[in-house]
């Protein structure tokens, strides 16, 4: 039995208005240094590169997509680390609110507070 070559992971791209996720080849840089723009096949809007360790919530999960929107707008992505997945990411609006209140109270950057597994 022959073994298939190990292919690089195909990162996910998300369209927040459509609540859709697409696996596409890794984005390439153009000659002027810009990253090529990915377009949503449903609405022609710009797709957001979220990383290879992303699992999209179901389309009907309004809360899950709101949490994802907060994470992406704060700059949090879902890239694989050397030990596996991307680490902790909040899944509920309650967890997001707790971490944002902690960030406001302590002055910690919001993106750092959002990925904290436990709050002190």
PDB file of N, CA and C in Angstrom:
ATOM      1  N   UNK A   1       0.849  -1.169   0.000  1.00  0.00           N
ATOM      2  CA  UNK A   1       0.000   0.000   0.000  1.00  0.00           C
ATOM      3  C   UNK A   1       0.899   1.238   0.000  1.00  0.00           C
ATOM      4  N   UNK A   2       0.669   2.134  -0.916  1.00  0.00           N
ATOM      5  CA  UNK A   2       1.490   3.337  -0.988  1.00  0.00           C
ATOM      6  C   UNK A   2       0.913   4.419  -0.086  1.00  0.00           C
ATOM      7  N   UNK A   3       1.825   5.177   0.456  1.00  0.00           N
ATOM      8  CA  UNK A   3       1.416   6.239   1.361  1.00  0.00           C
ATOM      9  C   UNK A   3       1.298   7.549   0.580  1.00  0.00           C
ATOM     10  N   UNK A   4       0.216   8.265   0.810  1.00  0.00           N
ATOM     11  CA  UNK A   4       0.003   9.539   0.137  1.00  0.00           C
ATOM     12  C   UNK A   4       0.913  10.604   0.736  1.00  0.00           C
ATOM     13  N   UNK A   5       1.363  11.531  -0.076  1.00  0.00           N
ATOM     14  CA  UNK A   5       2.219  12.595   0.471  1.00  0.00           C
ATOM     15  C   UNK A   5       1.416  13.479   1.422  1.00  0.00           C
ATOM     16  N   UNK A   6       2.110  14.016   2.398  1.00  0.00           N
ATOM     17  CA  UNK A   6       1.465  14.891   3.372  1.00  0.00           C
ATOM     18  C   UNK A   6       1.265  16.264   2.744  1.00  0.00           C
ATOM     19  N   UNK A   7       0.032  16.636   2.549  1.00  0.00           N
ATOM     20  CA  UNK A   7      -0.277  17.921   1.938  1.00  0.00           C
ATOM     21  C   UNK A   7      -0.405  18.989   3.015  1.00  0.00           C
ATOM     22  N   UNK A   8      -0.039  20.220   2.698  1.00  0.00           N
ATOM     23  CA  UNK A   8      -0.206  21.278   3.689  1.00  0.00           C
ATOM     24  C   UNK A   8      -1.692  21.505   3.957  1.00  0.00           C
ATOM     25  N   UNK A   9      -2.042  21.895   5.185  1.00  0.00           N
ATOM     26  CA  UNK A   9      -3.455  22.092   5.503  1.00  0.00           C
ATOM     27  C   UNK A   9      -4.037  23.245   4.691  1.00  0.00           C
ATOM     28  N   UNK A  10      -5.286  23.109   4.311  1.00  0.00           N
ATOM     29  CA  UNK A  10      -5.955  24.175   3.579  1.00  0.00           C
ATOM     30  C   UNK A  10      -6.670  25.048   4.601  1.00  0.00           C
ATOM     31  N   UNK A  11      -6.267  26.299   4.711  1.00  0.00           N
ATOM     32  CA  UNK A  11      -6.887  27.165   5.712  1.00  0.00           C
ATOM     33  C   UNK A  11      -8.326  27.513   5.365  1.00  0.00           C
ATOM     34  N   UNK A  12      -9.065  27.895   6.379  1.00  0.00           N
ATOM     35  CA  UNK A  12     -10.453  28.291   6.204  1.00  0.00           C
ATOM     36  C   UNK A  12     -10.567  29.789   5.995  1.00  0.00           C
ATOM     37  N   UNK A  13     -11.570  30.153   5.245  1.00  0.00           N
ATOM     38  CA  UNK A  13     -11.944  31.544   5.021  1.00  0.00           C
ATOM     39  C   UNK A  13     -13.418  31.659   5.361  1.00  0.00           C
ATOM     40  N   UNK A  14     -13.809  32.781   5.965  1.00  0.00           N
ATOM     41  CA  UNK A  14     -15.171  32.939   6.464  1.00  0.00           C
ATOM     42  C   UNK A  14     -15.819  34.182   5.871  1.00  0.00           C
ATOM     43  N   UNK A  15     -17.104  34.068   5.571  1.00  0.00           N
ATOM     44  CA  UNK A  15     -17.936  35.214   5.210  1.00  0.00           C
ATOM     45  C   UNK A  15     -18.931  35.377   6.355  1.00  0.00           C
ATOM     46  N   UNK A  16     -18.770  36.432   7.151  1.00  0.00           N
ATOM     47  CA  UNK A  16     -19.649  36.635   8.305  1.00  0.00           C
ATOM     48  C   UNK A  16     -21.098  36.930   7.905  1.00  0.00           C
ATOM     49  N   UNK A  17     -21.371  37.784   6.908  1.00  0.00           N
ATOM     50  CA  UNK A  17     -22.771  38.034   6.546  1.00  0.00           C
ATOM     51  C   UNK A  17     -23.505  36.775   6.070  1.00  0.00           C
ATOM     52  N   UNK A  18     -22.823  35.904   5.347  1.00  0.00           N
ATOM     53  CA  UNK A  18     -23.445  34.667   4.839  1.00  0.00           C
ATOM     54  C   UNK A  18     -23.402  33.521   5.847  1.00  0.00           C
ATOM     55  N   UNK A  19     -22.607  33.689   6.906  1.00  0.00           N
ATOM     56  CA  UNK A  19     -22.364  32.607   7.869  1.00  0.00           C
ATOM     57  C   UNK A  19     -21.883  31.354   7.150  1.00  0.00           C
ATOM     58  N   UNK A  20     -20.839  31.527   6.357  1.00  0.00           N
ATOM     59  CA  UNK A  20     -20.313  30.422   5.560  1.00  0.00           C
ATOM     60  C   UNK A  20     -18.801  30.343   5.716  1.00  0.00           C
ATOM     61  N   UNK A  21     -18.285  29.116   5.634  1.00  0.00           N
ATOM     62  CA  UNK A  21     -16.858  28.867   5.746  1.00  0.00           C
ATOM     63  C   UNK A  21     -16.415  28.064   4.529  1.00  0.00           C
ATOM     64  N   UNK A  22     -15.234  28.413   4.004  1.00  0.00           N
ATOM     65  CA  UNK A  22     -14.708  27.741   2.825  1.00  0.00           C
ATOM     66  C   UNK A  22     -13.244  27.393   3.051  1.00  0.00           C
ATOM     67  N   UNK A  23     -12.850  26.175   2.656  1.00  0.00           N
ATOM     68  CA  UNK A  23     -11.443  25.770   2.671  1.00  0.00           C
ATOM     69  C   UNK A  23     -10.867  26.115   1.304  1.00  0.00           C
ATOM     70  N   UNK A  24      -9.778  26.873   1.310  1.00  0.00           N
ATOM     71  CA  UNK A  24      -9.146  27.277   0.062  1.00  0.00           C
ATOM     72  C   UNK A  24      -7.639  27.181   0.226  1.00  0.00           C
ATOM     73  N   UNK A  25      -6.903  27.177  -0.878  1.00  0.00           N
ATOM     74  CA  UNK A  25      -5.443  27.145  -0.770  1.00  0.00           C
ATOM     75  C   UNK A  25      -4.931  28.349   0.009  1.00  0.00           C
ATOM     76  N   UNK A  26      -3.766  28.189   0.589  1.00  0.00           N
ATOM     77  CA  UNK A  26      -3.163  29.260   1.380  1.00  0.00           C
ATOM     78  C   UNK A  26      -3.033  30.519   0.538  1.00  0.00           C
ATOM     79  N   UNK A  27      -3.331  31.708   1.113  1.00  0.00           N
ATOM     80  CA  UNK A  27      -3.264  32.931   0.317  1.00  0.00           C
ATOM     81  C   UNK A  27      -1.832  33.251  -0.124  1.00  0.00           C
ATOM     82  N   UNK A  28      -1.704  33.705  -1.336  1.00  0.00           N
ATOM     83  CA  UNK A  28      -0.393  34.074  -1.882  1.00  0.00           C
ATOM     84  C   UNK A  28      -0.252  35.589  -1.886  1.00  0.00           C
ATOM     85  N   UNK A  29       0.980  36.034  -1.855  1.00  0.00           N
ATOM     86  CA  UNK A  29       1.236  37.478  -1.923  1.00  0.00           C
ATOM     87  C   UNK A  29       1.404  37.880  -3.390  1.00  0.00           C
ATOM     88  N   UNK A  30       0.876  39.053  -3.727  1.00  0.00           N
ATOM     89  CA  UNK A  30       1.028  39.569  -5.082  1.00  0.00           C
ATOM     90  C   UNK A  30       2.384  40.262  -5.200  1.00  0.00           C
ATOM     91  N   UNK A  31       2.709  40.751  -6.357  1.00  0.00           N
ATOM     92  CA  UNK A  31       4.006  41.389  -6.580  1.00  0.00           C
ATOM     93  C   UNK A  31       4.219  42.619  -5.710  1.00  0.00           C
ATOM     94  N   UNK A  32       3.144  43.337  -5.402  1.00  0.00           N
ATOM     95  CA  UNK A  32       3.293  44.544  -4.587  1.00  0.00           C
ATOM     96  C   UNK A  32       3.230  44.244  -3.085  1.00  0.00           C
ATOM     97  N   UNK A  33       3.239  42.965  -2.708  1.00  0.00           N
ATOM     98  CA  UNK A  33       3.282  42.579  -1.299  1.00  0.00           C
ATOM     99  C   UNK A  33       1.933  42.379  -0.651  1.00  0.00           C
ATOM    100  N   UNK A  34       0.857  42.681  -1.360  1.00  0.00           N
ATOM    101  CA  UNK A  34      -0.489  42.492  -0.815  1.00  0.00           C
ATOM    102  C   UNK A  34      -0.882  41.016  -0.882  1.00  0.00           C
ATOM    103  N   UNK A  35      -1.761  40.603   0.029  1.00  0.00           N
ATOM    104  CA  UNK A  35      -2.294  39.240   0.002  1.00  0.00           C
ATOM    105  C   UNK A  35      -3.493  39.235  -0.933  1.00  0.00           C
ATOM    106  N   UNK A  36      -3.588  38.191  -1.785  1.00  0.00           N
ATOM    107  CA  UNK A  36      -4.700  38.155  -2.733  1.00  0.00           C
ATOM    108  C   UNK A  36      -6.041  38.120  -2.002  1.00  0.00           C
ATOM    109  N   UNK A  37      -7.004  38.832  -2.543  1.00  0.00           N
ATOM    110  CA  UNK A  37      -8.331  38.974  -1.941  1.00  0.00           C
ATOM    111  C   UNK A  37      -9.192  37.782  -2.330  1.00  0.00           C
ATOM    112  N   UNK A  38      -9.811  37.163  -1.329  1.00  0.00           N
ATOM    113  CA  UNK A  38     -10.722  36.044  -1.579  1.00  0.00           C
ATOM    114  C   UNK A  38     -12.153  36.572  -1.548  1.00  0.00           C
ATOM    115  N   UNK A  39     -12.972  36.074  -2.453  1.00  0.00           N
ATOM    116  CA  UNK A  39     -14.333  36.566  -2.607  1.00  0.00           C
ATOM    117  C   UNK A  39     -15.326  35.460  -2.266  1.00  0.00           C
ATOM    118  N   UNK A  40     -16.364  35.824  -1.529  1.00  0.00           N
ATOM    119  CA  UNK A  40     -17.421  34.874  -1.161  1.00  0.00           C
ATOM    120  C   UNK A  40     -18.216  34.498  -2.413  1.00  0.00           C
ATOM    121  N   UNK A  41     -18.408  33.200  -2.673  1.00  0.00           N
ATOM    122  CA  UNK A  41     -19.176  32.792  -3.846  1.00  0.00           C
ATOM    123  C   UNK A  41     -20.673  33.100  -3.730  1.00  0.00           C
ATOM    124  N   UNK A  42     -21.147  33.370  -2.515  1.00  0.00           N
ATOM    125  CA  UNK A  42     -22.574  33.642  -2.325  1.00  0.00           C
ATOM    126  C   UNK A  42     -22.916  35.117  -2.476  1.00  0.00           C
ATOM    127  N   UNK A  43     -22.105  36.011  -1.848  1.00  0.00           N
ATOM    128  CA  UNK A  43     -22.451  37.444  -1.822  1.00  0.00           C
ATOM    129  C   UNK A  43     -21.401  38.340  -2.474  1.00  0.00           C
ATOM    130  N   UNK A  44     -20.279  37.786  -2.900  1.00  0.00           N
ATOM    131  CA  UNK A  44     -19.166  38.521  -3.522  1.00  0.00           C
ATOM    132  C   UNK A  44     -18.468  39.456  -2.540  1.00  0.00           C
ATOM    133  N   UNK A  45     -18.712  39.279  -1.244  1.00  0.00           N
ATOM    134  CA  UNK A  45     -18.000  40.046  -0.226  1.00  0.00           C
ATOM    135  C   UNK A  45     -16.615  39.460   0.008  1.00  0.00           C
ATOM    136  N   UNK A  46     -15.795  40.164   0.768  1.00  0.00           N
ATOM    137  CA  UNK A  46     -14.442  39.698   1.058  1.00  0.00           C
ATOM    138  C   UNK A  46     -14.463  38.636   2.145  1.00  0.00           C
ATOM    139  N   UNK A  47     -13.762  37.538   1.898  1.00  0.00           N
ATOM    140  CA  UNK A  47     -13.635  36.477   2.894  1.00  0.00           C
ATOM    141  C   UNK A  47     -12.515  36.827   3.871  1.00  0.00           C
ATOM    142  N   UNK A  48     -12.672  36.394   5.123  1.00  0.00           N
ATOM    143  CA  UNK A  48     -11.676  36.617   6.166  1.00  0.00           C
ATOM    144  C   UNK A  48     -10.883  35.328   6.360  1.00  0.00           C
ATOM    145  N   UNK A  49      -9.561  35.429   6.310  1.00  0.00           N
ATOM    146  CA  UNK A  49      -8.686  34.274   6.525  1.00  0.00           C
ATOM    147  C   UNK A  49      -8.669  33.974   8.022  1.00  0.00           C
ATOM    148  N   UNK A  50      -9.144  32.784   8.428  1.00  0.00           N
ATOM    149  CA  UNK A  50      -9.233  32.458   9.852  1.00  0.00           C
ATOM    150  C   UNK A  50      -8.232  31.401  10.300  1.00  0.00           C
ATOM    151  N   UNK A  51      -7.617  30.663   9.387  1.00  0.00           N
ATOM    152  CA  UNK A  51      -6.616  29.676   9.767  1.00  0.00           C
ATOM    153  C   UNK A  51      -7.059  28.253   9.501  1.00  0.00           C
ATOM    154  N   UNK A  52      -6.132  27.332   9.681  1.00  0.00           N
ATOM    155  CA  UNK A  52      -6.379  25.926   9.344  1.00  0.00           C
ATOM    156  C   UNK A  52      -7.043  25.138  10.468  1.00  0.00           C
ATOM    157  N   UNK A  53      -7.029  25.652  11.701  1.00  0.00           N
ATOM    158  CA  UNK A  53      -7.591  24.912  12.838  1.00  0.00           C
ATOM    159  C   UNK A  53      -8.981  25.443  13.193  1.00  0.00           C
ATOM    160  N   UNK A  54      -9.740  25.852  12.197  1.00  0.00           N
ATOM    161  CA  UNK A  54     -11.051  26.460  12.417  1.00  0.00           C
ATOM    162  C   UNK A  54     -12.162  25.464  12.138  1.00  0.00           C
ATOM    163  N   UNK A  55     -13.160  25.465  13.002  1.00  0.00           N
ATOM    164  CA  UNK A  55     -14.380  24.688  12.784  1.00  0.00           C
ATOM    165  C   UNK A  55     -15.553  25.653  12.887  1.00  0.00           C
ATOM    166  N   UNK A  56     -16.288  25.821  11.808  1.00  0.00           N
ATOM    167  CA  UNK A  56     -17.376  26.791  11.763  1.00  0.00           C
ATOM    168  C   UNK A  56     -18.570  26.317  12.577  1.00  0.00           C
ATOM    169  N   UNK A  57     -19.241  27.255  13.252  1.00  0.00           N
ATOM    170  CA  UNK A  57     -20.497  26.879  13.912  1.00  0.00           C
ATOM    171  C   UNK A  57     -21.574  26.633  12.860  1.00  0.00           C
ATOM    172  N   UNK A  58     -22.624  25.907  13.207  1.00  0.00           N
ATOM    173  CA  UNK A  58     -23.717  25.717  12.243  1.00  0.00           C
ATOM    174  C   UNK A  58     -24.301  27.075  11.837  1.00  0.00           C
ATOM    175  N   UNK A  59     -24.797  27.176  10.624  1.00  0.00           N
ATOM    176  CA  UNK A  59     -25.319  28.438  10.106  1.00  0.00           C
ATOM    177  C   UNK A  59     -26.446  28.997  10.975  1.00  0.00           C
ATOM    178  N   UNK A  60     -27.248  28.162  11.568  1.00  0.00           N
ATOM    179  CA  UNK A  60     -28.379  28.625  12.383  1.00  0.00           C
ATOM    180  C   UNK A  60     -27.973  29.037  13.802  1.00  0.00           C
ATOM    181  N   UNK A  61     -26.718  28.795  14.191  1.00  0.00           N
ATOM    182  CA  UNK A  61     -26.222  29.128  15.527  1.00  0.00           C
ATOM    183  C   UNK A  61     -25.843  30.613  15.590  1.00  0.00           C
ATOM    184  N   UNK A  62     -26.837  31.458  15.850  1.00  0.00           N
ATOM    185  CA  UNK A  62     -26.645  32.905  15.866  1.00  0.00           C
ATOM    186  C   UNK A  62     -25.605  33.318  16.896  1.00  0.00           C
ATOM    187  N   UNK A  63     -25.683  32.773  18.094  1.00  0.00           N
ATOM    188  CA  UNK A  63     -24.735  33.130  19.150  1.00  0.00           C
ATOM    189  C   UNK A  63     -23.306  32.746  18.762  1.00  0.00           C
ATOM    190  N   UNK A  64     -23.123  31.572  18.193  1.00  0.00           N
ATOM    191  CA  UNK A  64     -21.795  31.132  17.779  1.00  0.00           C
ATOM    192  C   UNK A  64     -21.181  32.056  16.736  1.00  0.00           C
ATOM    193  N   UNK A  65     -21.984  32.533  15.797  1.00  0.00           N
ATOM    194  CA  UNK A  65     -21.477  33.446  14.772  1.00  0.00           C
ATOM    195  C   UNK A  65     -21.213  34.836  15.348  1.00  0.00           C
ATOM    196  N   UNK A  66     -21.976  35.255  16.352  1.00  0.00           N
ATOM    197  CA  UNK A  66     -21.698  36.537  17.006  1.00  0.00           C
ATOM    198  C   UNK A  66     -20.377  36.466  17.767  1.00  0.00           C
ATOM    199  N   UNK A  67     -20.146  35.359  18.470  1.00  0.00           N
ATOM    200  CA  UNK A  67     -18.874  35.155  19.179  1.00  0.00           C
ATOM    201  C   UNK A  67     -17.722  35.161  18.178  1.00  0.00           C
ATOM    202  N   UNK A  68     -17.888  34.444  17.066  1.00  0.00           N
ATOM    203  CA  UNK A  68     -16.857  34.391  16.034  1.00  0.00           C
ATOM    204  C   UNK A  68     -16.576  35.791  15.478  1.00  0.00           C
ATOM    205  N   UNK A  69     -17.608  36.579  15.275  1.00  0.00           N
ATOM    206  CA  UNK A  69     -17.441  37.941  14.771  1.00  0.00           C
ATOM    207  C   UNK A  69     -16.610  38.790  15.728  1.00  0.00           C
ATOM    208  N   UNK A  70     -16.892  38.690  17.030  1.00  0.00           N
ATOM    209  CA  UNK A  70     -16.118  39.435  18.031  1.00  0.00           C
ATOM    210  C   UNK A  70     -14.651  39.003  17.993  1.00  0.00           C
ATOM    211  N   UNK A  71     -14.416  37.697  17.939  1.00  0.00           N
ATOM    212  CA  UNK A  71     -13.047  37.185  17.909  1.00  0.00           C
ATOM    213  C   UNK A  71     -12.288  37.691  16.679  1.00  0.00           C
ATOM    214  N   UNK A  72     -12.911  37.592  15.513  1.00  0.00           N
ATOM    215  CA  UNK A  72     -12.235  37.998  14.285  1.00  0.00           C
ATOM    216  C   UNK A  72     -11.976  39.500  14.242  1.00  0.00           C
ATOM    217  N   UNK A  73     -12.931  40.299  14.722  1.00  0.00           N
ATOM    218  CA  UNK A  73     -12.735  41.745  14.733  1.00  0.00           C
ATOM    219  C   UNK A  73     -11.682  42.167  15.765  1.00  0.00           C
ATOM    220  N   UNK A  74     -11.433  41.329  16.765  1.00  0.00           N
ATOM    221  CA  UNK A  74     -10.382  41.610  17.746  1.00  0.00           C
ATOM    222  C   UNK A  74      -9.013  41.141  17.250  1.00  0.00           C
ATOM    223  N   UNK A  75      -8.990  40.433  16.118  1.00  0.00           N
ATOM    224  CA  UNK A  75      -7.722  39.968  15.559  1.00  0.00           C
ATOM    225  C   UNK A  75      -7.353  38.553  15.944  1.00  0.00           C
ATOM    226  N   UNK A  76      -8.257  37.820  16.568  1.00  0.00           N
ATOM    227  CA  UNK A  76      -7.992  36.435  16.983  1.00  0.00           C
ATOM    228  C   UNK A  76      -8.247  35.518  15.783  1.00  0.00           C
ATOM    229  N   UNK A  77      -7.308  34.626  15.510  1.00  0.00           N
ATOM    230  CA  UNK A  77      -7.443  33.677  14.412  1.00  0.00           C
ATOM    231  C   UNK A  77      -7.278  32.255  14.941  1.00  0.00           C
ATOM    232  N   UNK A  78      -7.407  31.271  14.072  1.00  0.00           N
ATOM    233  CA  UNK A  78      -7.410  29.862  14.447  1.00  0.00           C
ATOM    234  C   UNK A  78      -6.287  29.109  13.735  1.00  0.00           C
ATOM    235  N   UNK A  79      -5.050  29.496  14.010  1.00  0.00           N
ATOM    236  CA  UNK A  79      -3.901  28.846  13.404  1.00  0.00           C
ATOM    237  C   UNK A  79      -3.426  27.700  14.289  1.00  0.00           C
ATOM    238  N   UNK A  80      -2.901  26.664  13.658  1.00  0.00           N
ATOM    239  CA  UNK A  80      -2.383  25.519  14.408  1.00  0.00           C
ATOM    240  C   UNK A  80      -1.079  25.894  15.079  1.00  0.00           C
ATOM    241  N   UNK A  81      -0.869  25.329  16.271  1.00  0.00           N
ATOM    242  CA  UNK A  81       0.397  25.540  16.967  1.00  0.00           C
ATOM    243  C   UNK A  81       1.221  24.257  16.859  1.00  0.00           C
ATOM    244  N   UNK A  82       2.401  24.271  17.440  1.00  0.00           N
ATOM    245  CA  UNK A  82       3.264  23.096  17.353  1.00  0.00           C
ATOM    246  C   UNK A  82       2.672  21.891  18.092  1.00  0.00           C
ATOM    247  N   UNK A  83       1.785  22.143  19.035  1.00  0.00           N
ATOM    248  CA  UNK A  83       1.229  21.063  19.845  1.00  0.00           C
ATOM    249  C   UNK A  83      -0.187  20.676  19.440  1.00  0.00           C
ATOM    250  N   UNK A  84      -0.676  21.163  18.341  1.00  0.00           N
ATOM    251  CA  UNK A  84      -2.023  20.787  17.921  1.00  0.00           C
ATOM    252  C   UNK A  84      -2.846  21.969  17.474  1.00  0.00           C
ATOM    253  N   UNK A  85      -3.925  22.227  18.191  1.00  0.00           N
ATOM    254  CA  UNK A  85      -4.891  23.240  17.792  1.00  0.00           C
ATOM    255  C   UNK A  85      -4.508  24.658  18.162  1.00  0.00           C
ATOM    256  N   UNK A  86      -5.468  25.565  18.012  1.00  0.00           N
ATOM    257  CA  UNK A  86      -5.179  26.977  18.229  1.00  0.00           C
ATOM    258  C   UNK A  86      -5.201  27.398  19.687  1.00  0.00           C
ATOM    259  N   UNK A  87      -5.582  26.524  20.587  1.00  0.00           N
ATOM    260  CA  UNK A  87      -5.695  26.903  21.982  1.00  0.00           C
ATOM    261  C   UNK A  87      -7.123  27.277  22.334  1.00  0.00           C
ATOM    262  N   UNK A  88      -7.298  27.881  23.502  1.00  0.00           N
ATOM    263  CA  UNK A  88      -8.631  28.219  23.972  1.00  0.00           C
ATOM    264  C   UNK A  88      -9.252  29.336  23.129  1.00  0.00           C
ATOM    265  N   UNK A  89     -10.525  29.201  22.817  1.00  0.00           N
ATOM    266  CA  UNK A  89     -11.336  30.246  22.209  1.00  0.00           C
ATOM    267  C   UNK A  89     -12.697  30.209  22.889  1.00  0.00           C
ATOM    268  N   UNK A  90     -13.251  31.369  23.298  1.00  0.00           N
ATOM    269  CA  UNK A  90     -14.576  31.361  23.931  1.00  0.00           C
ATOM    270  C   UNK A  90     -15.643  30.897  22.950  1.00  0.00           C
ATOM    271  N   UNK A  91     -16.673  30.237  23.485  1.00  0.00           N
ATOM    272  CA  UNK A  91     -17.744  29.716  22.640  1.00  0.00           C
ATOM    273  C   UNK A  91     -19.093  30.377  22.902  1.00  0.00           C
ATOM    274  N   UNK A  92     -19.206  31.096  24.032  1.00  0.00           N
ATOM    275  CA  UNK A  92     -20.484  31.732  24.358  1.00  0.00           C
ATOM    276  C   UNK A  92     -20.289  33.230  24.530  1.00  0.00           C
ATOM    277  N   UNK A  93     -21.396  33.972  24.382  1.00  0.00           N
ATOM    278  CA  UNK A  93     -21.330  35.415  24.579  1.00  0.00           C
ATOM    279  C   UNK A  93     -20.994  35.753  26.025  1.00  0.00           C
ATOM    280  N   UNK A  94     -21.409  34.910  26.955  1.00  0.00           N
ATOM    281  CA  UNK A  94     -21.082  35.129  28.370  1.00  0.00           C
ATOM    282  C   UNK A  94     -19.567  35.096  28.582  1.00  0.00           C
ATOM    283  N   UNK A  95     -18.898  34.098  27.994  1.00  0.00           N
ATOM    284  CA  UNK A  95     -17.437  34.009  28.104  1.00  0.00           C
ATOM    285  C   UNK A  95     -16.767  35.223  27.466  1.00  0.00           C
ATOM    286  N   UNK A  96     -17.298  35.691  26.344  1.00  0.00           N
ATOM    287  CA  UNK A  96     -16.741  36.868  25.672  1.00  0.00           C
ATOM    288  C   UNK A  96     -16.905  38.095  26.564  1.00  0.00           C
ATOM    289  N   UNK A  97     -18.110  38.287  27.120  1.00  0.00           N
ATOM    290  CA  UNK A  97     -18.364  39.445  27.991  1.00  0.00           C
ATOM    291  C   UNK A  97     -17.457  39.434  29.213  1.00  0.00           C
ATOM    292  N   UNK A  98     -17.272  38.265  29.825  1.00  0.00           N
ATOM    293  CA  UNK A  98     -16.400  38.159  30.998  1.00  0.00           C
ATOM    294  C   UNK A  98     -14.967  38.564  30.650  1.00  0.00           C
ATOM    295  N   UNK A  99     -14.468  38.093  29.518  1.00  0.00           N
ATOM    296  CA  UNK A  99     -13.092  38.391  29.130  1.00  0.00           C
ATOM    297  C   UNK A  99     -12.919  39.850  28.692  1.00  0.00           C
ATOM    298  N   UNK A 100     -13.936  40.413  28.067  1.00  0.00           N
ATOM    299  CA  UNK A 100     -13.855  41.828  27.686  1.00  0.00           C
ATOM    300  C   UNK A 100     -13.910  42.733  28.915  1.00  0.00           C
ATOM    301  N   UNK A 101     -14.724  42.361  29.918  1.00  0.00           N
ATOM    302  CA  UNK A 101     -14.762  43.128  31.164  1.00  0.00           C
ATOM    303  C   UNK A 101     -13.419  43.034  31.880  1.00  0.00           C
ATOM    304  N   UNK A 102     -12.812  41.847  31.860  1.00  0.00           N
ATOM    305  CA  UNK A 102     -11.494  41.662  32.467  1.00  0.00           C
ATOM    306  C   UNK A 102     -10.457  42.539  31.767  1.00  0.00           C
ATOM    307  N   UNK A 103     -10.500  42.586  30.430  1.00  0.00           N
ATOM    308  CA  UNK A 103      -9.556  43.401  29.660  1.00  0.00           C
ATOM    309  C   UNK A 103      -9.731  44.881  29.997  1.00  0.00           C
ATOM    310  N   UNK A 104     -10.964  45.321  30.116  1.00  0.00           N
ATOM    311  CA  UNK A 104     -11.230  46.732  30.436  1.00  0.00           C
ATOM    312  C   UNK A 104     -10.742  47.062  31.847  1.00  0.00           C
ATOM    313  N   UNK A 105     -10.971  46.140  32.779  1.00  0.00           N
ATOM    314  CA  UNK A 105     -10.596  46.347  34.179  1.00  0.00           C
ATOM    315  C   UNK A 105      -9.078  46.365  34.375  1.00  0.00           C
ATOM    316  N   UNK A 106      -8.366  45.502  33.649  1.00  0.00           N
ATOM    317  CA  UNK A 106      -6.922  45.353  33.865  1.00  0.00           C
ATOM    318  C   UNK A 106      -6.063  46.093  32.845  1.00  0.00           C
ATOM    319  N   UNK A 107      -6.654  46.514  31.737  1.00  0.00           N
ATOM    320  CA  UNK A 107      -5.872  47.163  30.694  1.00  0.00           C
ATOM    321  C   UNK A 107      -5.183  46.188  29.749  1.00  0.00           C
ATOM    322  N   UNK A 108      -5.467  44.903  29.899  1.00  0.00           N
ATOM    323  CA  UNK A 108      -4.898  43.889  29.003  1.00  0.00           C
ATOM    324  C   UNK A 108      -5.537  44.037  27.615  1.00  0.00           C
ATOM    325  N   UNK A 109      -4.780  43.843  26.536  1.00  0.00           N
ATOM    326  CA  UNK A 109      -5.380  43.920  25.198  1.00  0.00           C
ATOM    327  C   UNK A 109      -6.541  42.925  25.060  1.00  0.00           C
ATOM    328  N   UNK A 110      -7.582  43.334  24.358  1.00  0.00           N
ATOM    329  CA  UNK A 110      -8.781  42.497  24.221  1.00  0.00           C
ATOM    330  C   UNK A 110      -8.446  41.157  23.580  1.00  0.00           C
ATOM    331  N   UNK A 111      -7.615  41.144  22.534  1.00  0.00           N
ATOM    332  CA  UNK A 111      -7.278  39.889  21.855  1.00  0.00           C
ATOM    333  C   UNK A 111      -6.595  38.913  22.813  1.00  0.00           C
ATOM    334  N   UNK A 112      -5.769  39.415  23.718  1.00  0.00           N
ATOM    335  CA  UNK A 112      -5.082  38.556  24.691  1.00  0.00           C
ATOM    336  C   UNK A 112      -6.070  38.028  25.723  1.00  0.00           C
ATOM    337  N   UNK A 113      -6.963  38.887  26.193  1.00  0.00           N
ATOM    338  CA  UNK A 113      -7.954  38.466  27.189  1.00  0.00           C
ATOM    339  C   UNK A 113      -8.933  37.449  26.623  1.00  0.00           C
ATOM    340  N   UNK A 114      -9.298  37.586  25.339  1.00  0.00           N
ATOM    341  CA  UNK A 114     -10.257  36.663  24.728  1.00  0.00           C
ATOM    342  C   UNK A 114      -9.724  35.239  24.641  1.00  0.00           C
ATOM    343  N   UNK A 115      -8.423  35.055  24.543  1.00  0.00           N
ATOM    344  CA  UNK A 115      -7.874  33.709  24.413  1.00  0.00           C
ATOM    345  C   UNK A 115      -7.374  33.134  25.730  1.00  0.00           C
ATOM    346  N   UNK A 116      -7.653  33.828  26.844  1.00  0.00           N
ATOM    347  CA  UNK A 116      -7.286  33.300  28.174  1.00  0.00           C
ATOM    348  C   UNK A 116      -8.207  32.147  28.542  1.00  0.00           C
ATOM    349  N   UNK A 117      -7.644  30.977  28.865  1.00  0.00           N
ATOM    350  CA  UNK A 117      -8.514  29.857  29.259  1.00  0.00           C
ATOM    351  C   UNK A 117      -9.210  30.101  30.594  1.00  0.00           C
ATOM    352  N   UNK A 118      -8.531  30.760  31.510  1.00  0.00           N
ATOM    353  CA  UNK A 118      -9.109  31.016  32.848  1.00  0.00           C
ATOM    354  C   UNK A 118      -8.852  32.472  33.202  1.00  0.00           C
ATOM    355  N   UNK A 119      -9.798  33.045  33.878  1.00  0.00           N
ATOM    356  CA  UNK A 119      -9.619  34.410  34.375  1.00  0.00           C
ATOM    357  C   UNK A 119      -9.189  34.356  35.841  1.00  0.00           C
ATOM    358  N   UNK A 120      -8.221  35.208  36.214  1.00  0.00           N
ATOM    359  CA  UNK A 120      -7.773  35.203  37.618  1.00  0.00           C
ATOM    360  C   UNK A 120      -8.821  35.765  38.560  1.00  0.00           C
TER     361      UNK A 120
END
